[in-house]
Amino acid sequence: MLEKLGSVEQRFETVNELLCKPDVVADMEQYKHLMQELKHLTPIVEKYREYKKCKDSFDEAKELLDAGGMDKDFREMVQDEFETSRDNLEVILDELKVLLLPRDPNDDKNVIIEIRGGAGGEEASLFAASLFRMYSMYSEEKGFKCEVLSTNETELGGFKEISFEVSGQGAYSRFKFESGVHRVQRVPETESQGRVHTSTVTVAVLPEADEVDVEISTADLQIDTYRAGGAGGQHVNKTESAIRITHIPTGTVVECQDERSQHKNKDRAMKILRSRILEAENQKRADEIAGERKSQVGTGDRSERIRTYNFPQGRVSDHRIGLTLYRIDAIMDGDLDELIDALITADTAEKLKADN
């Protein structure tokens, strides 16, 4: 590990030197790439230098203790330094192991989140709207920008389906564990007998794909236009601004009708299409790597039940890590950090276990 850290420190110095060269500064693409690399290397190098400083203190104290010949007060002081340095070294080494874990290449990307009502009819659609509100409020709290891409609303204000983009540094790293089936247990507003119903909503979290990530040939696309439908409004059924794009090789279909402009709907549909294709490719690659599933929290599979929101009991339970929190109102208002931090910690622990 220390040999690896030495190489990381060398690369850190090289990147710093490159960033001072005029020809690199003039090349925006290269400059941006190197700045991103520097950002990832910096915490590792800082921690490694902290380790080296601590190791020097430890070695120096050990050498003095081994040599002996000190008076009582000085020996006690050196002994304290020895023990403190030894304990700090253990902590720093554990922190370095975490920092050296392979990074998810998508962590810094924006995300496209798709929420679909599942079992439970109108109640599932209403809960899909509640989840969208929860993620929107969390995005705002984290300083991310949230933009709706496509919706399919119900008459009672729910969503059969909604796709939206969350953009900001590290958006994917905060949302990536939300993929799967979310179950809700509550008394629906439409229920006159006061009985608790169980409904499900499916969430898919896709890292936003750039054009360089996924190459799509126009020959592989079938693009259809149609008149927008919906719950009402002057624009509905007046012009053929809605877009349906079919990616023929994979059979992936994306529809967008929220914008008045056909061009804007097409742009949004292509953004979702690229991200869905990238996700499918990433999933296929992960399936091919033996043991990959053992080193992550949950499978990321859309059919996996990951969480239950029980309103009568005021609890939210994440089934992947056995965590139950009794503050459902705060969570539904976007207070998700405790849940998300626990999932990231559990995932890191799994990866460390797999790495040993």
Protein backbone atom coordinates (compact mmCIF):
# COMPACT_ATOMS: atom_id res chain seq x y z
CA MET A 1 0.00 0.00 0.00
CA LEU A 2 2.83 2.41 0.87
CA GLU A 3 4.41 1.78 -2.54
CA LYS A 4 1.09 2.66 -4.16
CA LEU A 5 0.86 5.83 -2.06
CA GLY A 6 4.35 6.85 -3.20
CA SER A 7 3.21 6.51 -6.83
CA VAL A 8 0.08 8.58 -6.10
CA GLU A 9 2.23 11.34 -4.57
CA GLN A 10 4.50 11.33 -7.64
CA ARG A 11 1.49 11.62 -9.93
CA PHE A 12 0.17 14.48 -7.77
CA GLU A 13 3.44 16.39 -8.28
CA THR A 14 3.38 15.67 -12.05
CA VAL A 15 -0.20 16.93 -12.41
CA ASN A 16 0.65 20.11 -10.49
CA GLU A 17 3.60 20.74 -12.84
CA LEU A 18 1.47 20.11 -15.95
CA LEU A 19 -1.17 22.57 -14.75
CA CYS A 20 1.47 25.34 -14.73
CA LYS A 21 2.31 24.86 -18.42
CA PRO A 22 0.79 27.47 -20.81
CA ASP A 23 -0.06 24.90 -23.53
CA VAL A 24 -2.03 22.81 -20.98
CA VAL A 25 -3.86 25.89 -19.65
CA ALA A 26 -4.78 26.78 -23.26
CA ASP A 27 -6.28 23.30 -23.85
CA MET A 28 -9.53 23.57 -21.89
CA GLU A 29 -10.41 19.87 -22.20
CA GLN A 30 -7.00 18.69 -20.92
CA TYR A 31 -6.92 21.37 -18.22
CA LYS A 32 -10.39 20.36 -16.97
CA HIS A 33 -9.41 16.67 -16.94
CA LEU A 34 -6.20 17.36 -14.97
CA MET A 35 -8.01 19.60 -12.47
CA GLN A 36 -10.51 16.78 -11.87
CA GLU A 37 -7.64 14.32 -11.33
CA LEU A 38 -5.93 16.75 -8.94
CA LYS A 39 -9.14 17.04 -6.94
CA HIS A 40 -9.25 13.26 -6.43
CA LEU A 41 -5.52 12.94 -5.66
CA THR A 42 -5.35 15.81 -3.14
CA PRO A 43 -7.10 14.15 -0.13
CA ILE A 44 -5.02 10.96 -0.59
CA VAL A 45 -1.73 12.86 -0.77
CA GLU A 46 -2.63 15.08 2.21
CA LYS A 47 -3.48 12.01 4.28
CA TYR A 48 -0.28 10.22 3.13
CA ARG A 49 1.85 13.21 4.16
CA GLU A 50 0.08 13.23 7.52
CA TYR A 51 0.96 9.52 7.81
CA LYS A 52 4.66 10.17 7.03
CA LYS A 53 4.84 12.96 9.60
CA CYS A 54 3.22 10.75 12.24
CA LYS A 55 5.51 7.83 11.31
CA ASP A 56 8.59 10.04 11.82
CA SER A 57 7.35 11.00 15.31
CA PHE A 58 6.69 7.32 16.11
CA ASP A 59 10.13 6.20 14.88
CA GLU A 60 11.90 8.99 16.75
CA ALA A 61 10.10 8.20 20.02
CA LYS A 62 10.78 4.45 19.61
CA GLU A 63 14.47 5.11 18.97
CA LEU A 64 14.75 7.22 22.14
CA LEU A 65 12.92 4.62 24.23
CA ASP A 66 15.11 1.81 22.88
CA ALA A 67 18.27 3.83 23.65
CA GLY A 68 17.22 4.47 27.26
CA GLY A 69 19.29 6.65 29.65
CA MET A 70 16.57 9.33 30.06
CA ASP A 71 15.37 10.87 33.31
CA LYS A 72 11.85 9.90 34.54
CA ASP A 73 9.99 13.04 33.33
CA PHE A 74 11.54 13.01 29.85
CA ARG A 75 10.92 9.26 29.49
CA GLU A 76 7.21 9.74 30.37
CA MET A 77 6.94 12.50 27.77
CA VAL A 78 8.57 10.31 25.08
CA GLN A 79 6.36 7.35 26.09
CA ASP A 80 3.24 9.53 25.64
CA GLU A 81 4.48 10.63 22.19
CA PHE A 82 5.17 7.00 21.25
CA GLU A 83 1.68 5.81 22.25
CA THR A 84 -0.12 8.79 20.67
CA SER A 85 1.77 8.35 17.38
CA ARG A 86 1.12 4.61 17.38
CA ASP A 87 -2.66 5.10 17.87
CA ASN A 88 -2.78 7.88 15.25
CA LEU A 89 -0.93 5.70 12.73
CA GLU A 90 -3.63 3.01 13.02
CA VAL A 91 -6.40 5.56 12.41
CA ILE A 92 -4.57 7.19 9.46
CA LEU A 93 -3.86 3.79 7.84
CA ASP A 94 -7.58 2.89 8.04
CA GLU A 95 -8.46 6.26 6.47
CA LEU A 96 -5.90 5.68 3.69
CA LYS A 97 -7.40 2.25 2.91
CA VAL A 98 -10.78 3.93 2.36
CA LEU A 99 -9.27 6.71 0.22
CA LEU A 100 -7.49 4.13 -1.97
CA LEU A 101 -10.65 2.14 -2.73
CA PRO A 102 -11.50 2.27 -6.46
CA ARG A 103 -13.81 5.23 -7.10
CA ASP A 104 -17.11 4.83 -8.86
CA PRO A 105 -16.39 6.67 -12.14
CA ASN A 106 -19.96 8.00 -12.14
CA ASP A 107 -19.86 9.55 -8.65
CA ASP A 108 -19.30 13.12 -9.85
CA LYS A 109 -21.95 12.96 -12.58
CA ASN A 110 -25.39 14.48 -12.68
CA VAL A 111 -28.25 11.98 -12.40
CA ILE A 112 -31.51 11.28 -14.10
CA ILE A 113 -34.04 9.82 -11.68
CA GLU A 114 -37.13 7.98 -12.93
CA ILE A 115 -40.00 7.30 -10.53
CA ARG A 116 -42.87 5.01 -11.53
CA GLY A 117 -45.99 4.06 -9.64
CA GLY A 118 -46.14 0.26 -9.18
CA ALA A 119 -48.69 -1.90 -7.36
CA GLY A 120 -51.43 0.12 -5.70
CA GLY A 121 -53.03 2.14 -8.49
CA GLU A 122 -53.78 5.79 -7.62
CA GLU A 123 -52.17 5.49 -4.17
CA ALA A 124 -48.90 4.35 -5.80
CA SER A 125 -49.05 7.37 -8.15
CA LEU A 126 -49.61 9.71 -5.19
CA PHE A 127 -46.63 8.21 -3.36
CA ALA A 128 -44.52 8.63 -6.51
CA ALA A 129 -45.34 12.36 -6.22
CA SER A 130 -44.35 12.26 -2.50
CA LEU A 131 -40.97 10.70 -3.39
CA PHE A 132 -40.39 13.32 -6.10
CA ARG A 133 -41.10 16.05 -3.51
CA MET A 134 -38.71 14.34 -1.04
CA TYR A 135 -35.87 14.15 -3.60
CA SER A 136 -36.52 17.74 -4.76
CA MET A 137 -36.28 19.07 -1.21
CA TYR A 138 -33.12 17.05 -0.56
CA SER A 139 -31.58 18.34 -3.81
CA GLU A 140 -32.32 21.92 -2.77
CA GLU A 141 -30.78 21.34 0.68
CA LYS A 142 -27.58 19.96 -0.95
CA GLY A 143 -27.36 22.85 -3.42
CA PHE A 144 -28.20 20.68 -6.44
CA LYS A 145 -30.38 21.87 -9.32
CA CYS A 146 -33.51 19.82 -10.00
CA GLU A 147 -35.22 19.93 -13.43
CA VAL A 148 -38.25 17.91 -14.53
CA LEU A 149 -37.71 16.19 -17.89
CA SER A 150 -40.90 14.23 -18.44
CA THR A 151 -44.14 13.54 -16.53
CA ASN A 152 -47.27 11.44 -16.80
CA GLU A 153 -49.68 12.90 -14.25
CA THR A 154 -52.91 11.50 -12.81
CA GLU A 155 -56.07 13.51 -12.16
CA LEU A 156 -55.49 13.48 -8.39
CA GLY A 157 -52.02 15.03 -8.70
CA GLY A 158 -49.97 11.86 -8.61
CA PHE A 159 -47.46 10.59 -11.17
CA LYS A 160 -47.73 7.37 -13.11
CA GLU A 161 -44.19 8.27 -14.11
CA ILE A 162 -41.83 11.21 -13.71
CA SER A 163 -38.27 11.69 -14.95
CA PHE A 164 -36.10 14.52 -13.63
CA GLU A 165 -32.47 15.56 -13.66
CA VAL A 166 -30.46 16.43 -10.55
CA SER A 167 -27.29 18.32 -11.44
CA GLY A 168 -24.38 19.29 -9.22
CA GLN A 169 -20.97 18.05 -8.10
CA GLY A 170 -21.34 14.53 -6.67
CA ALA A 171 -25.08 14.20 -7.35
CA TYR A 172 -24.79 10.54 -8.40
CA SER A 173 -22.74 9.65 -5.29
CA ARG A 174 -25.64 10.87 -3.08
CA PHE A 175 -28.51 9.29 -5.03
CA LYS A 176 -27.08 6.04 -6.41
CA PHE A 177 -28.42 3.82 -3.62
CA GLU A 178 -32.03 4.96 -4.21
CA SER A 179 -32.58 2.52 -7.12
CA GLY A 180 -35.12 -0.18 -6.37
CA VAL A 181 -38.65 -0.70 -5.04
CA HIS A 182 -39.90 1.69 -2.35
CA ARG A 183 -42.89 0.34 -0.38
CA VAL A 184 -45.38 2.59 1.39
CA GLN A 185 -47.87 1.58 4.09
CA ARG A 186 -50.44 4.25 4.90
CA VAL A 187 -54.13 5.10 4.88
CA PRO A 188 -54.85 6.56 1.42
CA GLU A 189 -56.77 9.85 1.18
CA THR A 190 -59.27 7.97 -0.99
CA GLU A 191 -59.89 5.34 1.74
CA SER A 192 -63.07 5.99 3.73
CA GLN A 193 -62.71 3.01 6.13
CA GLY A 194 -59.31 4.12 7.50
CA ARG A 195 -57.58 0.90 6.44
CA VAL A 196 -53.82 0.82 5.83
CA HIS A 197 -52.90 0.00 2.23
CA THR A 198 -49.55 -1.19 0.90
CA SER A 199 -48.34 0.23 -2.43
CA THR A 200 -45.03 0.22 -4.27
CA VAL A 201 -43.08 2.71 -6.34
CA THR A 202 -40.04 1.93 -8.49
CA VAL A 203 -37.07 4.31 -8.58
CA ALA A 204 -34.27 4.15 -11.16
CA VAL A 205 -31.16 6.32 -10.74
CA LEU A 206 -29.15 6.76 -13.94
CA PRO A 207 -25.82 8.58 -14.23
CA GLU A 208 -26.25 11.23 -16.90
CA ALA A 209 -24.51 10.10 -20.07
CA ASP A 210 -22.54 12.51 -22.21
CA GLU A 211 -22.43 12.03 -25.96
CA VAL A 212 -18.86 10.75 -25.57
CA ASP A 213 -20.08 8.08 -23.10
CA VAL A 214 -22.68 6.64 -25.46
CA GLU A 215 -22.52 6.86 -29.24
CA ILE A 216 -25.94 6.55 -30.81
CA SER A 217 -26.28 6.36 -34.56
CA THR A 218 -29.25 8.23 -36.02
CA ALA A 219 -29.81 5.16 -38.23
CA ASP A 220 -30.65 3.22 -35.04
CA LEU A 221 -33.40 5.64 -34.04
CA GLN A 222 -37.07 5.71 -34.90
CA ILE A 223 -38.52 9.13 -34.04
CA ASP A 224 -42.28 9.65 -33.94
CA THR A 225 -44.16 12.87 -33.21
CA TYR A 226 -47.66 13.02 -31.76
CA ARG A 227 -50.01 15.44 -30.05
CA ALA A 228 -49.44 15.90 -26.34
CA GLY A 229 -52.09 14.47 -24.07
CA GLY A 230 -52.69 15.24 -20.40
CA ALA A 231 -55.06 16.43 -17.72
CA GLY A 232 -56.04 19.55 -19.66
CA GLY A 233 -54.79 22.99 -20.63
CA GLN A 234 -54.86 25.06 -23.81
CA HIS A 235 -51.81 23.41 -25.37
CA VAL A 236 -53.04 19.80 -25.15
CA ASN A 237 -53.79 18.21 -28.55
CA LYS A 238 -53.10 21.43 -30.49
CA THR A 239 -49.70 20.62 -32.07
CA GLU A 240 -47.58 17.55 -32.64
CA SER A 241 -44.84 18.61 -30.21
CA ALA A 242 -44.60 15.34 -28.25
CA ILE A 243 -41.73 13.04 -29.16
CA ARG A 244 -41.32 9.28 -28.96
CA ILE A 245 -37.82 7.91 -29.66
CA THR A 246 -37.22 4.18 -30.10
CA HIS A 247 -33.64 2.85 -30.02
CA ILE A 248 -34.07 -0.06 -32.42
CA PRO A 249 -31.08 -2.25 -31.34
CA THR A 250 -32.14 -2.32 -27.65
CA GLY A 251 -35.87 -1.66 -27.99
CA THR A 252 -35.59 1.23 -25.50
CA VAL A 253 -38.47 3.70 -25.85
CA VAL A 254 -38.51 7.25 -24.41
CA GLU A 255 -41.38 9.71 -24.63
CA CYS A 256 -41.34 13.44 -23.82
CA GLN A 257 -44.28 15.83 -24.11
CA ASP A 258 -43.83 18.38 -21.31
CA GLU A 259 -42.31 21.14 -23.43
CA ARG A 260 -44.20 23.15 -26.06
CA SER A 261 -41.22 22.88 -28.40
CA GLN A 262 -40.70 19.66 -30.35
CA HIS A 263 -36.97 20.42 -30.40
CA LYS A 264 -36.79 20.70 -26.57
CA ASN A 265 -38.77 17.48 -26.13
CA LYS A 266 -36.38 15.71 -28.50
CA ASP A 267 -33.32 16.98 -26.56
CA ARG A 268 -34.80 15.78 -23.28
CA ALA A 269 -35.77 12.40 -24.73
CA MET A 270 -32.22 11.91 -26.10
CA LYS A 271 -30.75 12.79 -22.68
CA ILE A 272 -32.89 10.12 -21.00
CA LEU A 273 -32.22 7.59 -23.79
CA ARG A 274 -28.42 7.98 -23.53
CA SER A 275 -28.56 7.54 -19.76
CA ARG A 276 -30.75 4.42 -19.98
CA ILE A 277 -28.41 2.81 -22.52
CA LEU A 278 -25.35 3.69 -20.41
CA GLU A 279 -27.02 2.19 -17.33
CA ALA A 280 -27.80 -1.03 -19.22
CA GLU A 281 -24.17 -1.28 -20.34
CA ASN A 282 -22.89 -0.63 -16.80
CA GLN A 283 -25.26 -3.26 -15.40
CA LYS A 284 -24.13 -5.83 -17.95
CA ARG A 285 -20.47 -5.12 -17.12
CA ALA A 286 -21.15 -5.45 -13.37
CA ASP A 287 -22.94 -8.77 -13.91
CA GLU A 288 -19.92 -10.13 -15.75
CA ILE A 289 -17.51 -9.37 -12.87
CA ALA A 290 -17.45 -12.31 -10.48
CA GLY A 291 -18.25 -11.33 -6.91
CA GLU A 292 -19.18 -7.76 -7.83
CA ARG A 293 -22.54 -8.10 -6.12
CA LYS A 294 -20.85 -9.09 -2.85
CA SER A 295 -18.99 -5.79 -2.58
CA GLN A 296 -21.91 -3.38 -2.83
CA VAL A 297 -24.99 -2.53 -0.81
CA GLY A 298 -27.95 -3.99 -2.68
CA THR A 299 -27.88 -4.95 -6.32
CA GLY A 300 -29.17 -1.71 -7.79
CA ASP A 301 -31.82 -3.88 -9.40
CA ARG A 302 -35.11 -2.08 -9.96
CA SER A 303 -37.03 -5.15 -8.74
CA GLU A 304 -35.23 -5.26 -5.37
CA ARG A 305 -37.34 -4.00 -2.44
CA ILE A 306 -35.03 -1.60 -0.68
CA ARG A 307 -37.11 0.49 1.73
CA THR A 308 -40.46 0.65 3.54
CA TYR A 309 -42.19 3.87 4.60
CA ASN A 310 -44.71 2.99 7.33
CA PHE A 311 -46.79 6.09 8.13
CA PRO A 312 -48.97 4.69 10.99
CA GLN A 313 -45.77 3.72 12.88
CA GLY A 314 -43.83 6.82 11.74
CA ARG A 315 -40.88 4.73 10.57
CA VAL A 316 -38.67 4.30 7.54
CA SER A 317 -36.77 0.99 7.23
CA ASP A 318 -33.94 0.32 4.79
CA HIS A 319 -33.88 -3.45 4.29
CA ARG A 320 -30.37 -3.63 2.80
CA ILE A 321 -28.59 -2.46 5.95
CA GLY A 322 -31.27 -3.17 8.60
CA LEU A 323 -31.64 0.51 9.52
CA THR A 324 -34.95 1.82 10.92
CA LEU A 325 -35.51 5.51 11.67
CA TYR A 326 -38.59 6.79 13.50
CA ARG A 327 -38.84 10.22 11.88
CA ILE A 328 -40.79 9.70 8.71
CA ASP A 329 -42.04 13.31 8.47
CA ALA A 330 -38.50 14.77 8.41
CA ILE A 331 -37.39 12.16 5.85
CA MET A 332 -40.36 12.88 3.56
CA ASP A 333 -39.37 16.58 3.84
CA GLY A 334 -35.97 15.74 2.33
CA ASP A 335 -33.88 15.04 5.45
CA LEU A 336 -32.09 12.07 3.86
CA ASP A 337 -28.47 12.50 4.96
CA GLU A 338 -28.62 9.98 7.83
CA LEU A 339 -30.02 7.29 5.51
CA ILE A 340 -27.66 8.04 2.64
CA ASP A 341 -24.56 8.34 4.87
CA ALA A 342 -25.37 4.97 6.47
CA LEU A 343 -25.66 3.34 3.03
CA ILE A 344 -22.34 4.84 1.88
CA THR A 345 -20.64 3.66 5.10
CA ALA A 346 -22.03 0.13 4.69
CA ASP A 347 -20.98 0.03 1.03
CA THR A 348 -17.43 1.18 1.94
CA ALA A 349 -17.23 -1.51 4.66
CA GLU A 350 -18.32 -4.19 2.14
CA LYS A 351 -15.71 -3.05 -0.36
CA LEU A 352 -12.96 -3.04 2.30
CA LYS A 353 -13.95 -6.58 3.28
CA ALA A 354 -13.84 -7.70 -0.36
CA ASP A 355 -10.47 -5.97 -0.83
CA ASN A 356 -8.80 -7.86 2.05
